[in-house]
Amino acid sequence: MRQILNWFFRSRETGAITIAQWPNLVLWTVITAGILLWIWPSAGGPSIALTVVFKGGLLVWAADEIVRGVNPWRRCLGTAVGTYVTATLLP
């Protein structure tokens, strides 16, 4: 069991256990759009634009994690987020 957890969470780049990382530019954009949506939940054009930035940014971040994630945990996290955002886009 220890070997499986070690394989799942160990960074392939540094060898350290990596569960979370500092946000990259795309994720900072998503965080900013999410905060603005929370503060300014109108039904107009700015809200639609912020929602597009928020969900689009999450999809870009998820794709980046799937392709370049440092360990299987990060790749699974990207897959889960991408699946969730895609499911919320479908009617």
N, C-alpha and C. Protein backbone atom coordinates (compact mmCIF):
# COMPACT_ATOMS: atom_id res chain seq x y z
N MET A 1 0.83 -1.20 0.00
CA MET A 1 0.00 0.00 0.00
C MET A 1 0.86 1.26 0.00
N ARG A 2 1.95 1.21 0.77
CA ARG A 2 2.84 2.37 0.85
C ARG A 2 3.46 2.69 -0.51
N GLN A 3 3.81 1.67 -1.27
CA GLN A 3 4.40 1.89 -2.59
C GLN A 3 3.40 2.54 -3.54
N ILE A 4 2.15 2.13 -3.46
CA ILE A 4 1.12 2.70 -4.33
C ILE A 4 0.92 4.18 -4.00
N LEU A 5 0.81 4.51 -2.72
CA LEU A 5 0.65 5.91 -2.32
C LEU A 5 1.87 6.73 -2.70
N ASN A 6 3.04 6.15 -2.52
CA ASN A 6 4.28 6.82 -2.88
C ASN A 6 4.30 7.13 -4.38
N TRP A 7 3.93 6.15 -5.20
CA TRP A 7 3.88 6.34 -6.64
C TRP A 7 2.83 7.39 -7.01
N PHE A 8 1.67 7.38 -6.35
CA PHE A 8 0.56 8.25 -6.70
C PHE A 8 0.83 9.72 -6.37
N PHE A 9 1.52 9.98 -5.26
CA PHE A 9 1.71 11.36 -4.81
C PHE A 9 3.11 11.91 -5.01
N ARG A 10 4.08 11.10 -5.37
CA ARG A 10 5.46 11.58 -5.50
C ARG A 10 5.65 12.31 -6.83
N SER A 11 6.23 13.52 -6.76
CA SER A 11 6.50 14.32 -7.95
C SER A 11 7.55 13.65 -8.80
N ARG A 12 7.31 13.58 -10.09
CA ARG A 12 8.29 13.00 -11.01
C ARG A 12 9.43 13.97 -11.28
N GLU A 13 9.23 15.25 -10.96
CA GLU A 13 10.26 16.26 -11.21
C GLU A 13 11.23 16.40 -10.04
N THR A 14 10.69 16.49 -8.82
CA THR A 14 11.53 16.77 -7.66
C THR A 14 11.70 15.57 -6.72
N GLY A 15 10.81 14.59 -6.82
CA GLY A 15 10.86 13.45 -5.92
C GLY A 15 10.13 13.70 -4.61
N ALA A 16 9.60 14.91 -4.41
CA ALA A 16 8.88 15.24 -3.18
C ALA A 16 7.41 14.84 -3.32
N ILE A 17 6.75 14.66 -2.18
CA ILE A 17 5.32 14.41 -2.18
C ILE A 17 4.62 15.71 -2.57
N THR A 18 3.80 15.65 -3.62
CA THR A 18 3.13 16.86 -4.12
C THR A 18 1.64 16.60 -4.19
N ILE A 19 0.90 17.28 -3.31
CA ILE A 19 -0.56 17.19 -3.32
C ILE A 19 -1.14 18.47 -3.89
N ALA A 20 -0.60 19.60 -3.49
CA ALA A 20 -1.04 20.91 -3.99
C ALA A 20 0.18 21.71 -4.41
N GLN A 21 -0.03 22.63 -5.32
CA GLN A 21 1.04 23.49 -5.79
C GLN A 21 0.57 24.94 -5.78
N TRP A 22 1.50 25.86 -5.85
CA TRP A 22 1.18 27.27 -5.95
C TRP A 22 0.46 27.49 -7.28
N PRO A 23 -0.60 28.30 -7.32
CA PRO A 23 -1.35 28.50 -8.57
C PRO A 23 -0.50 29.11 -9.67
N ASN A 24 -0.76 28.64 -10.90
CA ASN A 24 -0.11 29.25 -12.06
C ASN A 24 -0.97 30.41 -12.56
N LEU A 25 -0.57 31.05 -13.64
CA LEU A 25 -1.28 32.24 -14.14
C LEU A 25 -2.74 31.92 -14.49
N VAL A 26 -2.98 30.78 -15.11
CA VAL A 26 -4.35 30.42 -15.48
C VAL A 26 -5.21 30.27 -14.23
N LEU A 27 -4.69 29.61 -13.22
CA LEU A 27 -5.47 29.40 -12.00
C LEU A 27 -5.68 30.71 -11.24
N TRP A 28 -4.71 31.62 -11.27
CA TRP A 28 -4.91 32.95 -10.67
C TRP A 28 -6.03 33.70 -11.39
N THR A 29 -6.10 33.55 -12.71
CA THR A 29 -7.17 34.18 -13.48
C THR A 29 -8.52 33.59 -13.09
N VAL A 30 -8.58 32.28 -12.92
CA VAL A 30 -9.82 31.61 -12.50
C VAL A 30 -10.22 32.08 -11.10
N ILE A 31 -9.27 32.17 -10.20
CA ILE A 31 -9.56 32.62 -8.83
C ILE A 31 -10.10 34.05 -8.85
N THR A 32 -9.46 34.92 -9.63
CA THR A 32 -9.91 36.32 -9.73
C THR A 32 -11.32 36.40 -10.31
N ALA A 33 -11.58 35.65 -11.38
CA ALA A 33 -12.92 35.65 -11.98
C ALA A 33 -13.95 35.11 -11.00
N GLY A 34 -13.60 34.08 -10.25
CA GLY A 34 -14.52 33.52 -9.26
C GLY A 34 -14.85 34.50 -8.15
N ILE A 35 -13.85 35.23 -7.68
CA ILE A 35 -14.08 36.25 -6.64
C ILE A 35 -14.96 37.37 -7.18
N LEU A 36 -14.69 37.81 -8.41
CA LEU A 36 -15.50 38.86 -9.01
C LEU A 36 -16.94 38.40 -9.23
N LEU A 37 -17.13 37.14 -9.62
CA LEU A 37 -18.49 36.60 -9.76
C LEU A 37 -19.20 36.55 -8.41
N TRP A 38 -18.48 36.24 -7.39
CA TRP A 38 -19.05 36.16 -6.05
C TRP A 38 -19.46 37.56 -5.55
N ILE A 39 -18.61 38.54 -5.83
CA ILE A 39 -18.88 39.93 -5.40
C ILE A 39 -19.96 40.57 -6.28
N TRP A 40 -19.95 40.27 -7.57
CA TRP A 40 -20.79 40.95 -8.56
C TRP A 40 -21.65 39.93 -9.32
N PRO A 41 -22.64 39.31 -8.65
CA PRO A 41 -23.43 38.24 -9.29
C PRO A 41 -24.61 38.75 -10.12
N SER A 42 -24.36 39.69 -11.01
CA SER A 42 -25.44 40.24 -11.84
C SER A 42 -25.79 39.24 -12.94
N ALA A 43 -26.86 39.52 -13.65
CA ALA A 43 -27.29 38.64 -14.72
C ALA A 43 -26.93 39.20 -16.09
N GLY A 44 -26.16 40.27 -16.14
CA GLY A 44 -25.85 40.94 -17.39
C GLY A 44 -24.61 40.40 -18.08
N GLY A 45 -24.12 41.20 -19.03
CA GLY A 45 -22.96 40.85 -19.83
C GLY A 45 -21.68 40.60 -19.05
N PRO A 46 -21.36 41.44 -18.05
CA PRO A 46 -20.13 41.19 -17.29
C PRO A 46 -20.15 39.83 -16.58
N SER A 47 -21.30 39.44 -16.09
CA SER A 47 -21.42 38.14 -15.41
C SER A 47 -21.19 36.99 -16.39
N ILE A 48 -21.72 37.13 -17.58
CA ILE A 48 -21.53 36.09 -18.61
C ILE A 48 -20.05 36.01 -18.98
N ALA A 49 -19.41 37.17 -19.17
CA ALA A 49 -17.99 37.18 -19.52
C ALA A 49 -17.14 36.56 -18.41
N LEU A 50 -17.45 36.90 -17.16
CA LEU A 50 -16.70 36.32 -16.04
C LEU A 50 -16.91 34.82 -15.94
N THR A 51 -18.13 34.36 -16.22
CA THR A 51 -18.41 32.93 -16.19
C THR A 51 -17.63 32.20 -17.28
N VAL A 52 -17.54 32.80 -18.46
CA VAL A 52 -16.77 32.21 -19.56
C VAL A 52 -15.29 32.13 -19.18
N VAL A 53 -14.77 33.21 -18.60
CA VAL A 53 -13.37 33.21 -18.17
C VAL A 53 -13.15 32.17 -17.08
N PHE A 54 -14.08 32.08 -16.12
CA PHE A 54 -13.96 31.14 -15.01
C PHE A 54 -13.97 29.70 -15.50
N LYS A 55 -15.00 29.33 -16.25
CA LYS A 55 -15.12 27.93 -16.70
C LYS A 55 -14.10 27.59 -17.78
N GLY A 56 -13.84 28.53 -18.67
CA GLY A 56 -12.82 28.30 -19.69
C GLY A 56 -11.44 28.14 -19.09
N GLY A 57 -11.14 28.99 -18.10
CA GLY A 57 -9.85 28.88 -17.42
C GLY A 57 -9.71 27.57 -16.67
N LEU A 58 -10.79 27.11 -16.04
CA LEU A 58 -10.74 25.82 -15.36
C LEU A 58 -10.48 24.68 -16.35
N LEU A 59 -11.09 24.76 -17.53
CA LEU A 59 -10.85 23.72 -18.54
C LEU A 59 -9.41 23.75 -19.04
N VAL A 60 -8.86 24.96 -19.22
CA VAL A 60 -7.45 25.08 -19.65
C VAL A 60 -6.54 24.53 -18.55
N TRP A 61 -6.82 24.90 -17.29
CA TRP A 61 -6.00 24.41 -16.18
C TRP A 61 -6.09 22.88 -16.08
N ALA A 62 -7.30 22.34 -16.23
CA ALA A 62 -7.48 20.89 -16.14
C ALA A 62 -6.71 20.18 -17.25
N ALA A 63 -6.78 20.71 -18.47
CA ALA A 63 -6.05 20.09 -19.58
C ALA A 63 -4.54 20.15 -19.32
N ASP A 64 -4.07 21.26 -18.78
CA ASP A 64 -2.65 21.39 -18.46
C ASP A 64 -2.22 20.36 -17.41
N GLU A 65 -3.06 20.17 -16.39
CA GLU A 65 -2.75 19.18 -15.35
C GLU A 65 -2.75 17.76 -15.91
N ILE A 66 -3.69 17.47 -16.80
CA ILE A 66 -3.76 16.13 -17.39
C ILE A 66 -2.50 15.84 -18.20
N VAL A 67 -2.04 16.83 -18.94
CA VAL A 67 -0.87 16.65 -19.82
C VAL A 67 0.45 16.77 -19.06
N ARG A 68 0.55 17.78 -18.17
CA ARG A 68 1.84 18.07 -17.54
C ARG A 68 1.86 17.89 -16.03
N GLY A 69 0.85 17.24 -15.46
CA GLY A 69 0.81 17.05 -14.01
C GLY A 69 2.05 16.31 -13.51
N VAL A 70 2.53 16.67 -12.33
CA VAL A 70 3.80 16.13 -11.84
C VAL A 70 3.66 14.71 -11.27
N ASN A 71 2.43 14.27 -11.04
CA ASN A 71 2.22 12.91 -10.53
C ASN A 71 0.80 12.47 -10.90
N PRO A 72 0.49 11.20 -10.70
CA PRO A 72 -0.86 10.72 -11.04
C PRO A 72 -1.97 11.44 -10.28
N TRP A 73 -1.72 11.85 -9.04
CA TRP A 73 -2.74 12.57 -8.28
C TRP A 73 -3.13 13.86 -9.00
N ARG A 74 -2.15 14.63 -9.46
CA ARG A 74 -2.44 15.89 -10.14
C ARG A 74 -3.16 15.64 -11.46
N ARG A 75 -2.81 14.56 -12.15
CA ARG A 75 -3.50 14.22 -13.40
C ARG A 75 -4.94 13.81 -13.14
N CYS A 76 -5.17 13.06 -12.08
CA CYS A 76 -6.54 12.70 -11.70
C CYS A 76 -7.33 13.93 -11.29
N LEU A 77 -6.70 14.85 -10.58
CA LEU A 77 -7.36 16.09 -10.18
C LEU A 77 -7.77 16.89 -11.41
N GLY A 78 -6.88 17.00 -12.38
CA GLY A 78 -7.21 17.69 -13.62
C GLY A 78 -8.36 17.02 -14.36
N THR A 79 -8.36 15.69 -14.38
CA THR A 79 -9.45 14.95 -15.03
C THR A 79 -10.77 15.18 -14.32
N ALA A 80 -10.76 15.17 -12.99
CA ALA A 80 -11.99 15.39 -12.22
C ALA A 80 -12.54 16.79 -12.44
N VAL A 81 -11.67 17.79 -12.40
CA VAL A 81 -12.12 19.18 -12.60
C VAL A 81 -12.64 19.36 -14.03
N GLY A 82 -11.93 18.83 -15.01
CA GLY A 82 -12.37 18.93 -16.40
C GLY A 82 -13.71 18.25 -16.63
N THR A 83 -13.89 17.09 -16.03
CA THR A 83 -15.16 16.36 -16.14
C THR A 83 -16.29 17.14 -15.51
N TYR A 84 -16.05 17.69 -14.31
CA TYR A 84 -17.08 18.47 -13.63
C TYR A 84 -17.48 19.71 -14.42
N VAL A 85 -16.50 20.47 -14.90
CA VAL A 85 -16.81 21.69 -15.63
C VAL A 85 -17.55 21.35 -16.94
N THR A 86 -17.12 20.30 -17.62
CA THR A 86 -17.80 19.88 -18.84
C THR A 86 -19.24 19.47 -18.55
N ALA A 87 -19.44 18.74 -17.46
CA ALA A 87 -20.79 18.30 -17.09
C ALA A 87 -21.69 19.49 -16.75
N THR A 88 -21.13 20.54 -16.18
CA THR A 88 -21.96 21.70 -15.84
C THR A 88 -22.24 22.57 -17.06
N LEU A 89 -21.47 22.39 -18.13
CA LEU A 89 -21.73 23.14 -19.36
C LEU A 89 -22.84 22.51 -20.19
N LEU A 90 -23.00 21.19 -20.06
CA LEU A 90 -24.02 20.49 -20.84
C LEU A 90 -25.40 20.73 -20.25
N PRO A 91 -26.41 20.91 -21.12
CA PRO A 91 -27.77 21.16 -20.59
C PRO A 91 -28.40 19.91 -19.99
